[in-house]
């Protein structure tokens, strides 16, 4: 079984607590994904009018429903307005 790199955009409800939201995303992905996350990278992307999105790139085993699990877990975090999978690439 191969691996996939999944890219997800997270839009916050507001910019207050943005740094805490990034930390919450990191903790959720490391602690609540049953150890399937192999690598994790979190960056920011300027959107408009001072708004930023959190861009999460996750490397995990290729398996049915993996993207849905990630999307659901990230959607559970407080201050998250929306979660959108914007890319999925098969590795190796």
PDB file of N, CA and C in Angstrom:
ATOM      1  N   UNK A   1       0.846  -1.172   0.000  1.00  0.00           N
ATOM      2  CA  UNK A   1       0.000   0.000   0.000  1.00  0.00           C
ATOM      3  C   UNK A   1       0.893   1.237   0.000  1.00  0.00           C
ATOM      4  N   UNK A   2       0.592   2.212  -0.848  1.00  0.00           N
ATOM      5  CA  UNK A   2       1.375   3.429  -0.957  1.00  0.00           C
ATOM      6  C   UNK A   2       0.941   4.490   0.036  1.00  0.00           C
ATOM      7  N   UNK A   3       1.451   5.680  -0.192  1.00  0.00           N
ATOM      8  CA  UNK A   3       1.106   6.814   0.647  1.00  0.00           C
ATOM      9  C   UNK A   3       0.527   7.924  -0.218  1.00  0.00           C
ATOM     10  N   UNK A   4      -0.248   8.800   0.416  1.00  0.00           N
ATOM     11  CA  UNK A   4      -0.793   9.963  -0.266  1.00  0.00           C
ATOM     12  C   UNK A   4      -0.429  11.215   0.517  1.00  0.00           C
ATOM     13  N   UNK A   5      -0.258  12.308  -0.221  1.00  0.00           N
ATOM     14  CA  UNK A   5      -0.079  13.626   0.381  1.00  0.00           C
ATOM     15  C   UNK A   5      -1.401  14.359   0.192  1.00  0.00           C
ATOM     16  N   UNK A   6      -1.991  14.743   1.277  1.00  0.00           N
ATOM     17  CA  UNK A   6      -3.290  15.386   1.278  1.00  0.00           C
ATOM     18  C   UNK A   6      -3.107  16.849   1.677  1.00  0.00           C
ATOM     19  N   UNK A   7      -3.638  17.769   0.893  1.00  0.00           N
ATOM     20  CA  UNK A   7      -3.567  19.197   1.209  1.00  0.00           C
ATOM     21  C   UNK A   7      -4.967  19.685   1.535  1.00  0.00           C
ATOM     22  N   UNK A   8      -5.082  20.333   2.699  1.00  0.00           N
ATOM     23  CA  UNK A   8      -6.379  20.773   3.211  1.00  0.00           C
ATOM     24  C   UNK A   8      -6.304  22.246   3.585  1.00  0.00           C
ATOM     25  N   UNK A   9      -7.292  23.030   3.159  1.00  0.00           N
ATOM     26  CA  UNK A   9      -7.413  24.433   3.571  1.00  0.00           C
ATOM     27  C   UNK A   9      -8.432  24.529   4.694  1.00  0.00           C
ATOM     28  N   UNK A  10      -8.048  25.233   5.751  1.00  0.00           N
ATOM     29  CA  UNK A  10      -8.938  25.456   6.885  1.00  0.00           C
ATOM     30  C   UNK A  10      -9.170  26.953   7.006  1.00  0.00           C
ATOM     31  N   UNK A  11     -10.422  27.352   6.977  1.00  0.00           N
ATOM     32  CA  UNK A  11     -10.780  28.757   7.170  1.00  0.00           C
ATOM     33  C   UNK A  11     -11.277  28.952   8.595  1.00  0.00           C
ATOM     34  N   UNK A  12     -10.684  29.905   9.320  1.00  0.00           N
ATOM     35  CA  UNK A  12     -11.152  30.179  10.685  1.00  0.00           C
ATOM     36  C   UNK A  12     -12.439  30.999  10.657  1.00  0.00           C
ATOM     37  N   UNK A  13     -13.201  30.919  11.740  1.00  0.00           N
ATOM     38  CA  UNK A  13     -14.395  31.754  11.858  1.00  0.00           C
ATOM     39  C   UNK A  13     -14.009  33.214  11.974  1.00  0.00           C
ATOM     40  N   UNK A  14     -12.919  33.486  12.702  1.00  0.00           N
ATOM     41  CA  UNK A  14     -12.385  34.844  12.809  1.00  0.00           C
ATOM     42  C   UNK A  14     -10.892  34.739  13.080  1.00  0.00           C
ATOM     43  N   UNK A  15     -10.207  35.866  13.003  1.00  0.00           N
ATOM     44  CA  UNK A  15      -8.750  35.855  13.133  1.00  0.00           C
ATOM     45  C   UNK A  15      -8.273  35.913  14.584  1.00  0.00           C
ATOM     46  N   UNK A  16      -9.174  36.195  15.519  1.00  0.00           N
ATOM     47  CA  UNK A  16      -8.784  36.142  16.921  1.00  0.00           C
ATOM     48  C   UNK A  16      -8.501  34.687  17.271  1.00  0.00           C
ATOM     49  N   UNK A  17      -7.415  34.456  17.918  1.00  0.00           N
ATOM     50  CA  UNK A  17      -7.066  33.092  18.291  1.00  0.00           C
ATOM     51  C   UNK A  17      -6.513  32.273  17.136  1.00  0.00           C
ATOM     52  N   UNK A  18      -6.021  32.939  16.089  1.00  0.00           N
ATOM     53  CA  UNK A  18      -5.518  32.219  14.919  1.00  0.00           C
ATOM     54  C   UNK A  18      -4.334  31.320  15.277  1.00  0.00           C
ATOM     55  N   UNK A  19      -3.410  31.839  16.086  1.00  0.00           N
ATOM     56  CA  UNK A  19      -2.238  31.035  16.478  1.00  0.00           C
ATOM     57  C   UNK A  19      -2.660  29.832  17.317  1.00  0.00           C
ATOM     58  N   UNK A  20      -3.660  30.023  18.192  1.00  0.00           N
ATOM     59  CA  UNK A  20      -4.167  28.905  18.989  1.00  0.00           C
ATOM     60  C   UNK A  20      -4.815  27.869  18.076  1.00  0.00           C
ATOM     61  N   UNK A  21      -5.532  28.342  17.055  1.00  0.00           N
ATOM     62  CA  UNK A  21      -6.156  27.424  16.108  1.00  0.00           C
ATOM     63  C   UNK A  21      -5.105  26.578  15.396  1.00  0.00           C
ATOM     64  N   UNK A  22      -4.001  27.196  14.996  1.00  0.00           N
ATOM     65  CA  UNK A  22      -2.923  26.420  14.360  1.00  0.00           C
ATOM     66  C   UNK A  22      -2.407  25.347  15.312  1.00  0.00           C
ATOM     67  N   UNK A  23      -2.251  25.697  16.580  1.00  0.00           N
ATOM     68  CA  UNK A  23      -1.782  24.733  17.580  1.00  0.00           C
ATOM     69  C   UNK A  23      -2.806  23.614  17.770  1.00  0.00           C
ATOM     70  N   UNK A  24      -4.096  23.972  17.806  1.00  0.00           N
ATOM     71  CA  UNK A  24      -5.159  22.968  17.946  1.00  0.00           C
ATOM     72  C   UNK A  24      -5.173  21.997  16.770  1.00  0.00           C
ATOM     73  N   UNK A  25      -4.942  22.524  15.565  1.00  0.00           N
ATOM     74  CA  UNK A  25      -4.875  21.670  14.364  1.00  0.00           C
ATOM     75  C   UNK A  25      -3.720  20.691  14.491  1.00  0.00           C
ATOM     76  N   UNK A  26      -2.570  21.175  14.892  1.00  0.00           N
ATOM     77  CA  UNK A  26      -1.393  20.331  15.058  1.00  0.00           C
ATOM     78  C   UNK A  26      -1.664  19.219  16.070  1.00  0.00           C
ATOM     79  N   UNK A  27      -2.221  19.573  17.213  1.00  0.00           N
ATOM     80  CA  UNK A  27      -2.510  18.575  18.254  1.00  0.00           C
ATOM     81  C   UNK A  27      -3.537  17.557  17.788  1.00  0.00           C
ATOM     82  N   UNK A  28      -4.582  18.023  17.115  1.00  0.00           N
ATOM     83  CA  UNK A  28      -5.636  17.116  16.637  1.00  0.00           C
ATOM     84  C   UNK A  28      -5.068  16.100  15.653  1.00  0.00           C
ATOM     85  N   UNK A  29      -4.229  16.563  14.737  1.00  0.00           N
ATOM     86  CA  UNK A  29      -3.683  15.658  13.729  1.00  0.00           C
ATOM     87  C   UNK A  29      -2.684  14.673  14.326  1.00  0.00           C
ATOM     88  N   UNK A  30      -1.946  15.091  15.329  1.00  0.00           N
ATOM     89  CA  UNK A  30      -0.962  14.195  15.941  1.00  0.00           C
ATOM     90  C   UNK A  30      -1.605  13.211  16.907  1.00  0.00           C
ATOM     91  N   UNK A  31      -2.640  13.650  17.626  1.00  0.00           N
ATOM     92  CA  UNK A  31      -3.184  12.833  18.703  1.00  0.00           C
ATOM     93  C   UNK A  31      -4.435  12.035  18.346  1.00  0.00           C
ATOM     94  N   UNK A  32      -5.239  12.528  17.416  1.00  0.00           N
ATOM     95  CA  UNK A  32      -6.540  11.910  17.177  1.00  0.00           C
ATOM     96  C   UNK A  32      -6.657  11.143  15.872  1.00  0.00           C
ATOM     97  N   UNK A  33      -5.559  10.936  15.171  1.00  0.00           N
ATOM     98  CA  UNK A  33      -5.645  10.240  13.883  1.00  0.00           C
ATOM     99  C   UNK A  33      -5.108   8.811  13.958  1.00  0.00           C
ATOM    100  N   UNK A  34      -5.120   8.229  15.130  1.00  0.00           N
ATOM    101  CA  UNK A  34      -4.747   6.820  15.315  1.00  0.00           C
ATOM    102  C   UNK A  34      -3.379   6.480  14.745  1.00  0.00           C
ATOM    103  N   UNK A  35      -2.465   7.436  14.777  1.00  0.00           N
ATOM    104  CA  UNK A  35      -1.099   7.188  14.337  1.00  0.00           C
ATOM    105  C   UNK A  35      -0.911   7.013  12.845  1.00  0.00           C
ATOM    106  N   UNK A  36      -1.921   7.335  12.037  1.00  0.00           N
ATOM    107  CA  UNK A  36      -1.772   7.116  10.593  1.00  0.00           C
ATOM    108  C   UNK A  36      -1.069   8.269   9.887  1.00  0.00           C
ATOM    109  N   UNK A  37      -0.933   9.413  10.560  1.00  0.00           N
ATOM    110  CA  UNK A  37      -0.253  10.550   9.947  1.00  0.00           C
ATOM    111  C   UNK A  37       1.254  10.322  10.029  1.00  0.00           C
ATOM    112  N   UNK A  38       1.901  10.226   8.871  1.00  0.00           N
ATOM    113  CA  UNK A  38       3.345   9.979   8.809  1.00  0.00           C
ATOM    114  C   UNK A  38       4.137  11.281   8.895  1.00  0.00           C
ATOM    115  N   UNK A  39       3.685  12.298   8.170  1.00  0.00           N
ATOM    116  CA  UNK A  39       4.321  13.625   8.188  1.00  0.00           C
ATOM    117  C   UNK A  39       3.220  14.669   8.163  1.00  0.00           C
ATOM    118  N   UNK A  40       3.546  15.839   8.726  1.00  0.00           N
ATOM    119  CA  UNK A  40       2.556  16.899   8.839  1.00  0.00           C
ATOM    120  C   UNK A  40       3.249  18.234   8.678  1.00  0.00           C
ATOM    121  N   UNK A  41       2.663  19.105   7.880  1.00  0.00           N
ATOM    122  CA  UNK A  41       3.196  20.450   7.693  1.00  0.00           C
ATOM    123  C   UNK A  41       2.029  21.432   7.737  1.00  0.00           C
ATOM    124  N   UNK A  42       2.216  22.520   8.488  1.00  0.00           N
ATOM    125  CA  UNK A  42       1.180  23.535   8.597  1.00  0.00           C
ATOM    126  C   UNK A  42       1.764  24.870   8.162  1.00  0.00           C
ATOM    127  N   UNK A  43       1.086  25.543   7.223  1.00  0.00           N
ATOM    128  CA  UNK A  43       1.500  26.870   6.773  1.00  0.00           C
ATOM    129  C   UNK A  43       0.271  27.783   6.762  1.00  0.00           C
ATOM    130  N   UNK A  44       0.518  29.052   6.455  1.00  0.00           N
ATOM    131  CA  UNK A  44      -0.561  30.029   6.356  1.00  0.00           C
ATOM    132  C   UNK A  44      -0.637  30.537   4.923  1.00  0.00           C
ATOM    133  N   UNK A  45      -1.837  30.930   4.528  1.00  0.00           N
ATOM    134  CA  UNK A  45      -2.029  31.527   3.212  1.00  0.00           C
ATOM    135  C   UNK A  45      -2.894  32.771   3.372  1.00  0.00           C
ATOM    136  N   UNK A  46      -2.380  33.919   2.909  1.00  0.00           N
ATOM    137  CA  UNK A  46      -3.169  35.147   2.940  1.00  0.00           C
ATOM    138  C   UNK A  46      -4.336  35.009   1.976  1.00  0.00           C
ATOM    139  N   UNK A  47      -5.517  35.410   2.444  1.00  0.00           N
ATOM    140  CA  UNK A  47      -6.718  35.331   1.609  1.00  0.00           C
ATOM    141  C   UNK A  47      -7.091  36.739   1.130  1.00  0.00           C
ATOM    142  N   UNK A  48      -7.615  37.562   2.029  1.00  0.00           N
ATOM    143  CA  UNK A  48      -7.980  38.947   1.698  1.00  0.00           C
ATOM    144  C   UNK A  48      -8.406  39.665   2.969  1.00  0.00           C
ATOM    145  N   UNK A  49      -8.211  40.975   2.977  1.00  0.00           N
ATOM    146  CA  UNK A  49      -8.680  41.822   4.076  1.00  0.00           C
ATOM    147  C   UNK A  49      -8.195  41.332   5.438  1.00  0.00           C
ATOM    148  N   UNK A  50      -6.961  40.858   5.504  1.00  0.00           N
ATOM    149  CA  UNK A  50      -6.391  40.398   6.763  1.00  0.00           C
ATOM    150  C   UNK A  50      -6.738  38.975   7.150  1.00  0.00           C
ATOM    151  N   UNK A  51      -7.567  38.316   6.363  1.00  0.00           N
ATOM    152  CA  UNK A  51      -7.927  36.919   6.654  1.00  0.00           C
ATOM    153  C   UNK A  51      -6.832  35.991   6.139  1.00  0.00           C
ATOM    154  N   UNK A  52      -6.615  34.926   6.869  1.00  0.00           N
ATOM    155  CA  UNK A  52      -5.657  33.901   6.479  1.00  0.00           C
ATOM    156  C   UNK A  52      -6.319  32.533   6.568  1.00  0.00           C
ATOM    157  N   UNK A  53      -5.828  31.626   5.768  1.00  0.00           N
ATOM    158  CA  UNK A  53      -6.242  30.231   5.841  1.00  0.00           C
ATOM    159  C   UNK A  53      -5.071  29.434   6.394  1.00  0.00           C
ATOM    160  N   UNK A  54      -5.379  28.356   7.061  1.00  0.00           N
ATOM    161  CA  UNK A  54      -4.358  27.408   7.491  1.00  0.00           C
ATOM    162  C   UNK A  54      -4.301  26.321   6.427  1.00  0.00           C
ATOM    163  N   UNK A  55      -3.112  26.061   5.920  1.00  0.00           N
ATOM    164  CA  UNK A  55      -2.927  25.025   4.903  1.00  0.00           C
ATOM    165  C   UNK A  55      -2.186  23.863   5.563  1.00  0.00           C
ATOM    166  N   UNK A  56      -2.834  22.713   5.592  1.00  0.00           N
ATOM    167  CA  UNK A  56      -2.270  21.528   6.225  1.00  0.00           C
ATOM    168  C   UNK A  56      -1.933  20.518   5.141  1.00  0.00           C
ATOM    169  N   UNK A  57      -0.698  20.039   5.148  1.00  0.00           N
ATOM    170  CA  UNK A  57      -0.291  18.961   4.255  1.00  0.00           C
ATOM    171  C   UNK A  57       0.032  17.747   5.122  1.00  0.00           C
ATOM    172  N   UNK A  58      -0.624  16.641   4.819  1.00  0.00           N
ATOM    173  CA  UNK A  58      -0.502  15.422   5.602  1.00  0.00           C
ATOM    174  C   UNK A  58      -0.066  14.290   4.685  1.00  0.00           C
ATOM    175  N   UNK A  59       0.917  13.517   5.111  1.00  0.00           N
ATOM    176  CA  UNK A  59       1.287  12.293   4.400  1.00  0.00           C
ATOM    177  C   UNK A  59       0.789  11.130   5.246  1.00  0.00           C
ATOM    178  N   UNK A  60       0.001  10.272   4.590  1.00  0.00           N
ATOM    179  CA  UNK A  60      -0.604   9.143   5.295  1.00  0.00           C
ATOM    180  C   UNK A  60      -0.759   7.973   4.339  1.00  0.00           C
ATOM    181  N   UNK A  61      -0.998   6.780   4.874  1.00  0.00           N
ATOM    182  CA  UNK A  61      -1.189   5.629   3.993  1.00  0.00           C
ATOM    183  C   UNK A  61      -2.404   5.817   3.094  1.00  0.00           C
ATOM    184  N   UNK A  62      -2.278   5.311   1.877  1.00  0.00           N
ATOM    185  CA  UNK A  62      -3.376   5.356   0.925  1.00  0.00           C
ATOM    186  C   UNK A  62      -4.423   4.348   1.371  1.00  0.00           C
ATOM    187  N   UNK A  63      -5.600   4.817   1.618  1.00  0.00           N
ATOM    188  CA  UNK A  63      -6.672   3.922   2.045  1.00  0.00           C
ATOM    189  C   UNK A  63      -8.008   4.593   1.842  1.00  0.00           C
ATOM    190  N   UNK A  64      -9.026   3.795   1.725  1.00  0.00           N
ATOM    191  CA  UNK A  64     -10.365   4.317   1.479  1.00  0.00           C
ATOM    192  C   UNK A  64     -10.839   5.165   2.655  1.00  0.00           C
ATOM    193  N   UNK A  65     -11.326   6.356   2.357  1.00  0.00           N
ATOM    194  CA  UNK A  65     -11.897   7.218   3.383  1.00  0.00           C
ATOM    195  C   UNK A  65     -10.905   8.041   4.173  1.00  0.00           C
ATOM    196  N   UNK A  66      -9.634   7.996   3.844  1.00  0.00           N
ATOM    197  CA  UNK A  66      -8.625   8.738   4.597  1.00  0.00           C
ATOM    198  C   UNK A  66      -8.853  10.234   4.571  1.00  0.00           C
ATOM    199  N   UNK A  67      -9.161  10.766   3.401  1.00  0.00           N
ATOM    200  CA  UNK A  67      -9.406  12.204   3.270  1.00  0.00           C
ATOM    201  C   UNK A  67     -10.644  12.607   4.061  1.00  0.00           C
ATOM    202  N   UNK A  68     -11.662  11.772   4.047  1.00  0.00           N
ATOM    203  CA  UNK A  68     -12.885  12.068   4.794  1.00  0.00           C
ATOM    204  C   UNK A  68     -12.618  12.107   6.294  1.00  0.00           C
ATOM    205  N   UNK A  69     -11.775  11.195   6.789  1.00  0.00           N
ATOM    206  CA  UNK A  69     -11.422  11.173   8.210  1.00  0.00           C
ATOM    207  C   UNK A  69     -10.710  12.457   8.611  1.00  0.00           C
ATOM    208  N   UNK A  70      -9.751  12.867   7.797  1.00  0.00           N
ATOM    209  CA  UNK A  70      -8.998  14.089   8.083  1.00  0.00           C
ATOM    210  C   UNK A  70      -9.941  15.285   8.084  1.00  0.00           C
ATOM    211  N   UNK A  71     -10.785  15.373   7.084  1.00  0.00           N
ATOM    212  CA  UNK A  71     -11.725  16.483   6.971  1.00  0.00           C
ATOM    213  C   UNK A  71     -12.664  16.532   8.186  1.00  0.00           C
ATOM    214  N   UNK A  72     -13.161  15.384   8.596  1.00  0.00           N
ATOM    215  CA  UNK A  72     -14.075  15.316   9.738  1.00  0.00           C
ATOM    216  C   UNK A  72     -13.377  15.720  11.036  1.00  0.00           C
ATOM    217  N   UNK A  73     -12.181  15.223  11.261  1.00  0.00           N
ATOM    218  CA  UNK A  73     -11.432  15.554  12.481  1.00  0.00           C
ATOM    219  C   UNK A  73     -11.128  17.042  12.556  1.00  0.00           C
ATOM    220  N   UNK A  74     -10.714  17.633  11.447  1.00  0.00           N
ATOM    221  CA  UNK A  74     -10.398  19.058  11.444  1.00  0.00           C
ATOM    222  C   UNK A  74     -11.660  19.901  11.628  1.00  0.00           C
ATOM    223  N   UNK A  75     -12.781  19.437  11.138  1.00  0.00           N
ATOM    224  CA  UNK A  75     -14.039  20.156  11.286  1.00  0.00           C
ATOM    225  C   UNK A  75     -14.554  20.190  12.712  1.00  0.00           C
ATOM    226  N   UNK A  76     -14.040  19.300  13.578  1.00  0.00           N
ATOM    227  CA  UNK A  76     -14.455  19.242  14.985  1.00  0.00           C
ATOM    228  C   UNK A  76     -13.827  20.349  15.831  1.00  0.00           C
ATOM    229  N   UNK A  77     -12.783  20.991  15.333  1.00  0.00           N
ATOM    230  CA  UNK A  77     -12.027  21.965  16.121  1.00  0.00           C
ATOM    231  C   UNK A  77     -12.807  23.272  16.241  1.00  0.00           C
ATOM    232  N   UNK A  78     -12.785  23.847  17.442  1.00  0.00           N
ATOM    233  CA  UNK A  78     -13.451  25.129  17.677  1.00  0.00           C
ATOM    234  C   UNK A  78     -12.799  26.211  16.819  1.00  0.00           C
ATOM    235  N   UNK A  79     -13.579  27.184  16.367  1.00  0.00           N
ATOM    236  CA  UNK A  79     -13.148  28.326  15.559  1.00  0.00           C
ATOM    237  C   UNK A  79     -12.855  27.951  14.103  1.00  0.00           C
ATOM    238  N   UNK A  80     -13.244  26.757  13.669  1.00  0.00           N
ATOM    239  CA  UNK A  80     -13.085  26.378  12.263  1.00  0.00           C
ATOM    240  C   UNK A  80     -14.390  26.661  11.536  1.00  0.00           C
ATOM    241  N   UNK A  81     -14.302  27.485  10.509  1.00  0.00           N
ATOM    242  CA  UNK A  81     -15.471  27.818   9.702  1.00  0.00           C
ATOM    243  C   UNK A  81     -15.701  26.771   8.614  1.00  0.00           C
ATOM    244  N   UNK A  82     -14.620  26.393   7.906  1.00  0.00           N
ATOM    245  CA  UNK A  82     -14.750  25.398   6.842  1.00  0.00           C
ATOM    246  C   UNK A  82     -13.442  24.646   6.654  1.00  0.00           C
ATOM    247  N   UNK A  83     -13.580  23.436   6.145  1.00  0.00           N
ATOM    248  CA  UNK A  83     -12.438  22.568   5.838  1.00  0.00           C
ATOM    249  C   UNK A  83     -12.643  22.061   4.418  1.00  0.00           C
ATOM    250  N   UNK A  84     -11.612  22.219   3.582  1.00  0.00           N
ATOM    251  CA  UNK A  84     -11.736  21.791   2.188  1.00  0.00           C
ATOM    252  C   UNK A  84     -10.466  21.071   1.748  1.00  0.00           C
ATOM    253  N   UNK A  85     -10.630  19.846   1.261  1.00  0.00           N
ATOM    254  CA  UNK A  85      -9.513  19.116   0.677  1.00  0.00           C
ATOM    255  C   UNK A  85      -9.270  19.722  -0.700  1.00  0.00           C
ATOM    256  N   UNK A  86      -8.065  20.272  -0.906  1.00  0.00           N
ATOM    257  CA  UNK A  86      -7.767  20.945  -2.174  1.00  0.00           C
ATOM    258  C   UNK A  86      -6.791  20.162  -3.042  1.00  0.00           C
ATOM    259  N   UNK A  87      -6.242  19.098  -2.502  1.00  0.00           N
ATOM    260  CA  UNK A  87      -5.319  18.292  -3.306  1.00  0.00           C
ATOM    261  C   UNK A  87      -5.025  16.958  -2.650  1.00  0.00           C
ATOM    262  N   UNK A  88      -4.833  15.953  -3.513  1.00  0.00           N
ATOM    263  CA  UNK A  88      -4.445  14.630  -3.051  1.00  0.00           C
ATOM    264  C   UNK A  88      -3.529  14.033  -4.099  1.00  0.00           C
ATOM    265  N   UNK A  89      -2.307  13.716  -3.693  1.00  0.00           N
ATOM    266  CA  UNK A  89      -1.320  13.176  -4.628  1.00  0.00           C
ATOM    267  C   UNK A  89      -0.793  11.849  -4.090  1.00  0.00           C
ATOM    268  N   UNK A  90      -0.722  10.879  -4.961  1.00  0.00           N
ATOM    269  CA  UNK A  90      -0.160   9.579  -4.603  1.00  0.00           C
ATOM    270  C   UNK A  90       1.358   9.690  -4.646  1.00  0.00           C
ATOM    271  N   UNK A  91       2.028   9.188  -3.627  1.00  0.00           N
ATOM    272  CA  UNK A  91       3.475   9.224  -3.537  1.00  0.00           C
ATOM    273  C   UNK A  91       4.048   7.852  -3.865  1.00  0.00           C
ATOM    274  N   UNK A  92       5.200   7.869  -4.509  1.00  0.00           N
ATOM    275  CA  UNK A  92       5.947   6.643  -4.793  1.00  0.00           C
ATOM    276  C   UNK A  92       5.188   5.703  -5.600  1.00  0.00           C
TER     277      UNK A  92
END
